[in-house]
Amino acid sequence: MNTTKEKGFTLVEILAALTILGIVFVSFMTIFSQMNVFNTRTESKLETIHLAKKELNFWKENPMPLENNEGVLVLKKDTESSSDFIFYTYTRQDEPKYEYRVKYRVPSDLKSFTETSVTLHRLQISIYEKGKEISETFGYVEDGAL
């Protein structure tokens, strides 16, 4: 009695394994390309958040930041301004060229604790690209800063 024990895989088993591995590989490749797009968007968002915070610091440190128009390409005080808010829209000369919109709240929205305490006014800075808001930040400036 001669029995041979064959070891190995059949052609059908190998093709089935390759098909399953191909499906798994394609799904992983799709995930990696989506992660790349997400990372690019996140990087752009972080860059504009940094620019908005940098612009907020610029407004806080300069009492009348737009009187000296160096570095400002287009500056206008919007017609939307009222007794409660002043709106500024401008573009800086340096790259990247974003449109900055600043909303300055004239009456303070914070209650003073004492008569000698500083009055703060809310400042909202939004960054626009091609008419679409891509980032914004909020902060407060002292009374008389603008």
C-alpha atoms as a PDB file:
ATOM      1  CA  MET A   1       0.000   0.000   0.000  1.00  0.00           C
ATOM      2  CA  ASN A   2       1.612   3.137  -1.211  1.00  0.00           C
ATOM      3  CA  THR A   3       0.096   6.404   0.107  1.00  0.00           C
ATOM      4  CA  THR A   4       1.483   9.778  -0.730  1.00  0.00           C
ATOM      5  CA  LYS A   5       0.720  12.748   1.416  1.00  0.00           C
ATOM      6  CA  GLU A   6       0.601  15.820  -0.745  1.00  0.00           C
ATOM      7  CA  LYS A   7       1.449  19.075   0.956  1.00  0.00           C
ATOM      8  CA  GLY A   8       0.790  22.602  -0.356  1.00  0.00           C
ATOM      9  CA  PHE A   9      -2.008  24.748  -1.634  1.00  0.00           C
ATOM     10  CA  THR A  10      -4.145  24.272  -4.658  1.00  0.00           C
ATOM     11  CA  LEU A  11      -4.393  26.867  -7.375  1.00  0.00           C
ATOM     12  CA  VAL A  12      -7.912  27.810  -6.256  1.00  0.00           C
ATOM     13  CA  GLU A  13      -6.750  28.449  -2.682  1.00  0.00           C
ATOM     14  CA  ILE A  14      -3.884  30.665  -3.876  1.00  0.00           C
ATOM     15  CA  LEU A  15      -6.191  32.695  -6.149  1.00  0.00           C
ATOM     16  CA  ALA A  16      -8.720  33.133  -3.315  1.00  0.00           C
ATOM     17  CA  ALA A  17      -5.970  34.350  -0.944  1.00  0.00           C
ATOM     18  CA  LEU A  18      -4.624  36.799  -3.538  1.00  0.00           C
ATOM     19  CA  THR A  19      -8.122  38.169  -4.160  1.00  0.00           C
ATOM     20  CA  ILE A  20      -8.711  38.742  -0.445  1.00  0.00           C
ATOM     21  CA  LEU A  21      -5.288  40.382  -0.037  1.00  0.00           C
ATOM     22  CA  GLY A  22      -5.997  42.628  -3.053  1.00  0.00           C
ATOM     23  CA  ILE A  23      -9.299  43.814  -1.567  1.00  0.00           C
ATOM     24  CA  VAL A  24      -7.636  44.575   1.785  1.00  0.00           C
ATOM     25  CA  PHE A  25      -4.746  46.379   0.057  1.00  0.00           C
ATOM     26  CA  VAL A  26      -7.073  48.581  -2.038  1.00  0.00           C
ATOM     27  CA  SER A  27      -9.105  49.569   1.043  1.00  0.00           C
ATOM     28  CA  PHE A  28      -5.911  50.560   2.899  1.00  0.00           C
ATOM     29  CA  MET A  29      -4.719  52.623  -0.063  1.00  0.00           C
ATOM     30  CA  THR A  30      -8.052  54.492  -0.094  1.00  0.00           C
ATOM     31  CA  ILE A  31      -7.702  55.276   3.603  1.00  0.00           C
ATOM     32  CA  PHE A  32      -4.156  56.609   3.134  1.00  0.00           C
ATOM     33  CA  SER A  33      -5.162  58.948   0.309  1.00  0.00           C
ATOM     34  CA  GLN A  34      -8.074  60.288   2.389  1.00  0.00           C
ATOM     35  CA  MET A  35      -5.705  60.825   5.319  1.00  0.00           C
ATOM     36  CA  ASN A  36      -3.414  62.844   3.062  1.00  0.00           C
ATOM     37  CA  VAL A  37      -6.291  65.131   2.015  1.00  0.00           C
ATOM     38  CA  PHE A  38      -7.361  65.516   5.658  1.00  0.00           C
ATOM     39  CA  ASN A  39      -3.799  66.339   6.749  1.00  0.00           C
ATOM     40  CA  THR A  40      -3.499  68.992   4.027  1.00  0.00           C
ATOM     41  CA  ARG A  41      -6.750  70.634   5.137  1.00  0.00           C
ATOM     42  CA  THR A  42      -5.680  70.528   8.775  1.00  0.00           C
ATOM     43  CA  GLU A  43      -2.317  72.094   7.948  1.00  0.00           C
ATOM     44  CA  SER A  44      -4.031  74.911   6.044  1.00  0.00           C
ATOM     45  CA  LYS A  45      -6.486  75.466   8.898  1.00  0.00           C
ATOM     46  CA  LEU A  46      -3.692  75.616  11.480  1.00  0.00           C
ATOM     47  CA  GLU A  47      -1.804  78.119   9.316  1.00  0.00           C
ATOM     48  CA  THR A  48      -4.801  80.445   9.093  1.00  0.00           C
ATOM     49  CA  ILE A  49      -5.554  80.104  12.816  1.00  0.00           C
ATOM     50  CA  HIS A  50      -1.970  81.160  13.479  1.00  0.00           C
ATOM     51  CA  LEU A  51      -2.376  84.134  11.110  1.00  0.00           C
ATOM     52  CA  ALA A  52      -5.619  85.175  12.854  1.00  0.00           C
ATOM     53  CA  LYS A  53      -3.969  85.036  16.294  1.00  0.00           C
ATOM     54  CA  LYS A  54      -0.962  86.952  14.948  1.00  0.00           C
ATOM     55  CA  GLU A  55      -3.313  89.616  13.578  1.00  0.00           C
ATOM     56  CA  LEU A  56      -5.141  89.772  16.935  1.00  0.00           C
ATOM     57  CA  ASN A  57      -1.828  90.406  18.701  1.00  0.00           C
ATOM     58  CA  PHE A  58      -1.029  93.098  16.131  1.00  0.00           C
ATOM     59  CA  TRP A  59      -4.306  94.868  16.955  1.00  0.00           C
ATOM     60  CA  LYS A  60      -3.694  94.542  20.699  1.00  0.00           C
ATOM     61  CA  GLU A  61      -0.156  95.955  20.535  1.00  0.00           C
ATOM     62  CA  ASN A  62      -0.912  98.897  18.215  1.00  0.00           C
ATOM     63  CA  PRO A  63      -3.329 101.551  19.462  1.00  0.00           C
ATOM     64  CA  MET A  64      -4.364 102.557  15.936  1.00  0.00           C
ATOM     65  CA  PRO A  65      -3.019  99.697  13.822  1.00  0.00           C
ATOM     66  CA  LEU A  66      -4.388 100.808  10.483  1.00  0.00           C
ATOM     67  CA  GLU A  67      -3.386 104.487  10.643  1.00  0.00           C
ATOM     68  CA  ASN A  68       0.049 103.440   9.456  1.00  0.00           C
ATOM     69  CA  ASN A  69      -0.919 101.680   6.220  1.00  0.00           C
ATOM     70  CA  GLU A  70       2.441  99.996   5.689  1.00  0.00           C
ATOM     71  CA  GLY A  71       1.865  96.424   4.653  1.00  0.00           C
ATOM     72  CA  VAL A  72      -1.857  96.966   4.080  1.00  0.00           C
ATOM     73  CA  LEU A  73      -2.939  96.650   0.466  1.00  0.00           C
ATOM     74  CA  VAL A  74      -6.632  97.513   0.648  1.00  0.00           C
ATOM     75  CA  LEU A  75      -8.277  99.119   3.659  1.00  0.00           C
ATOM     76  CA  LYS A  76     -11.848 100.167   4.099  1.00  0.00           C
ATOM     77  CA  LYS A  77     -14.182 100.865   6.948  1.00  0.00           C
ATOM     78  CA  ASP A  78     -17.308  98.978   5.994  1.00  0.00           C
ATOM     79  CA  THR A  79     -20.653 100.655   5.516  1.00  0.00           C
ATOM     80  CA  GLU A  80     -22.082  98.041   7.895  1.00  0.00           C
ATOM     81  CA  SER A  81     -20.493  99.884  10.835  1.00  0.00           C
ATOM     82  CA  SER A  82     -22.945 101.152  13.429  1.00  0.00           C
ATOM     83  CA  SER A  83     -22.890 102.618  16.918  1.00  0.00           C
ATOM     84  CA  ASP A  84     -22.333  99.107  18.318  1.00  0.00           C
ATOM     85  CA  PHE A  85     -19.746  97.724  15.900  1.00  0.00           C
ATOM     86  CA  ILE A  86     -17.002  99.008  13.623  1.00  0.00           C
ATOM     87  CA  PHE A  87     -16.028  96.752  10.718  1.00  0.00           C
ATOM     88  CA  TYR A  88     -12.664  96.924   8.956  1.00  0.00           C
ATOM     89  CA  THR A  89     -11.772  94.962   5.833  1.00  0.00           C
ATOM     90  CA  TYR A  90      -8.242  94.844   4.458  1.00  0.00           C
ATOM     91  CA  THR A  91      -5.666  92.732   2.671  1.00  0.00           C
ATOM     92  CA  ARG A  92      -1.993  92.572   3.586  1.00  0.00           C
ATOM     93  CA  GLN A  93       0.747  92.934   0.977  1.00  0.00           C
ATOM     94  CA  ASP A  94       2.702  89.916   2.162  1.00  0.00           C
ATOM     95  CA  GLU A  95       1.859  86.378   1.103  1.00  0.00           C
ATOM     96  CA  PRO A  96      -0.465  84.555   1.427  1.00  0.00           C
ATOM     97  CA  LYS A  97      -3.045  87.110   0.328  1.00  0.00           C
ATOM     98  CA  TYR A  98      -6.067  86.646   2.558  1.00  0.00           C
ATOM     99  CA  GLU A  99      -8.821  89.131   3.251  1.00  0.00           C
ATOM    100  CA  TYR A 100      -9.001  90.133   6.908  1.00  0.00           C
ATOM    101  CA  ARG A 101     -12.271  91.308   8.436  1.00  0.00           C
ATOM    102  CA  VAL A 102     -12.159  92.872  11.865  1.00  0.00           C
ATOM    103  CA  LYS A 103     -15.281  93.456  13.946  1.00  0.00           C
ATOM    104  CA  TYR A 104     -14.725  95.829  16.875  1.00  0.00           C
ATOM    105  CA  ARG A 105     -17.498  96.032  19.478  1.00  0.00           C
ATOM    106  CA  VAL A 106     -17.762  99.673  20.566  1.00  0.00           C
ATOM    107  CA  PRO A 107     -19.676  99.302  23.858  1.00  0.00           C
ATOM    108  CA  SER A 108     -17.921  96.954  26.246  1.00  0.00           C
ATOM    109  CA  ASP A 109     -19.739  93.681  26.795  1.00  0.00           C
ATOM    110  CA  LEU A 110     -17.906  92.992  30.064  1.00  0.00           C
ATOM    111  CA  LYS A 111     -19.014  94.475  33.373  1.00  0.00           C
ATOM    112  CA  SER A 112     -16.370  96.409  35.305  1.00  0.00           C
ATOM    113  CA  PHE A 113     -15.656  95.162  38.839  1.00  0.00           C
ATOM    114  CA  THR A 114     -14.436  98.514  40.103  1.00  0.00           C
ATOM    115  CA  GLU A 115     -14.502 102.071  38.831  1.00  0.00           C
ATOM    116  CA  THR A 116     -10.763 101.972  38.121  1.00  0.00           C
ATOM    117  CA  SER A 117     -10.800  98.699  36.215  1.00  0.00           C
ATOM    118  CA  VAL A 118      -9.957  98.655  32.516  1.00  0.00           C
ATOM    119  CA  THR A 119     -12.794  98.570  29.996  1.00  0.00           C
ATOM    120  CA  LEU A 120     -12.368  95.838  27.398  1.00  0.00           C
ATOM    121  CA  HIS A 121     -13.916  95.649  23.939  1.00  0.00           C
ATOM    122  CA  ARG A 122     -14.403  92.440  21.977  1.00  0.00           C
ATOM    123  CA  LEU A 123     -12.474  92.079  18.734  1.00  0.00           C
ATOM    124  CA  GLN A 124     -13.333  89.390  16.189  1.00  0.00           C
ATOM    125  CA  ILE A 125     -10.867  88.719  13.386  1.00  0.00           C
ATOM    126  CA  SER A 126     -11.961  86.568  10.449  1.00  0.00           C
ATOM    127  CA  ILE A 127      -9.811  85.443   7.540  1.00  0.00           C
ATOM    128  CA  TYR A 128     -11.405  84.955   4.140  1.00  0.00           C
ATOM    129  CA  GLU A 129     -10.126  83.332   0.986  1.00  0.00           C
ATOM    130  CA  LYS A 130     -12.107  83.828  -2.218  1.00  0.00           C
ATOM    131  CA  GLY A 131     -15.098  85.087  -0.228  1.00  0.00           C
ATOM    132  CA  LYS A 132     -15.212  82.052   2.079  1.00  0.00           C
ATOM    133  CA  GLU A 133     -14.385  82.286   5.792  1.00  0.00           C
ATOM    134  CA  ILE A 134     -11.564  79.905   6.593  1.00  0.00           C
ATOM    135  CA  SER A 135     -10.626  80.956  10.125  1.00  0.00           C
ATOM    136  CA  GLU A 136     -11.555  83.315  12.924  1.00  0.00           C
ATOM    137  CA  THR A 137     -10.459  84.255  16.400  1.00  0.00           C
ATOM    138  CA  PHE A 138     -11.737  86.445  19.216  1.00  0.00           C
ATOM    139  CA  GLY A 139      -9.994  88.617  21.743  1.00  0.00           C
ATOM    140  CA  TYR A 140     -10.313  91.774  23.811  1.00  0.00           C
ATOM    141  CA  VAL A 141      -8.568  95.132  23.547  1.00  0.00           C
ATOM    142  CA  GLU A 142      -8.408  97.901  26.131  1.00  0.00           C
ATOM    143  CA  ASP A 143     -10.629 100.943  25.924  1.00  0.00           C
ATOM    144  CA  GLY A 144      -9.117 103.614  23.721  1.00  0.00           C
ATOM    145  CA  ALA A 145      -7.015 101.159  21.767  1.00  0.00           C
ATOM    146  CA  LEU A 146      -8.858 101.904  18.539  1.00  0.00           C
END
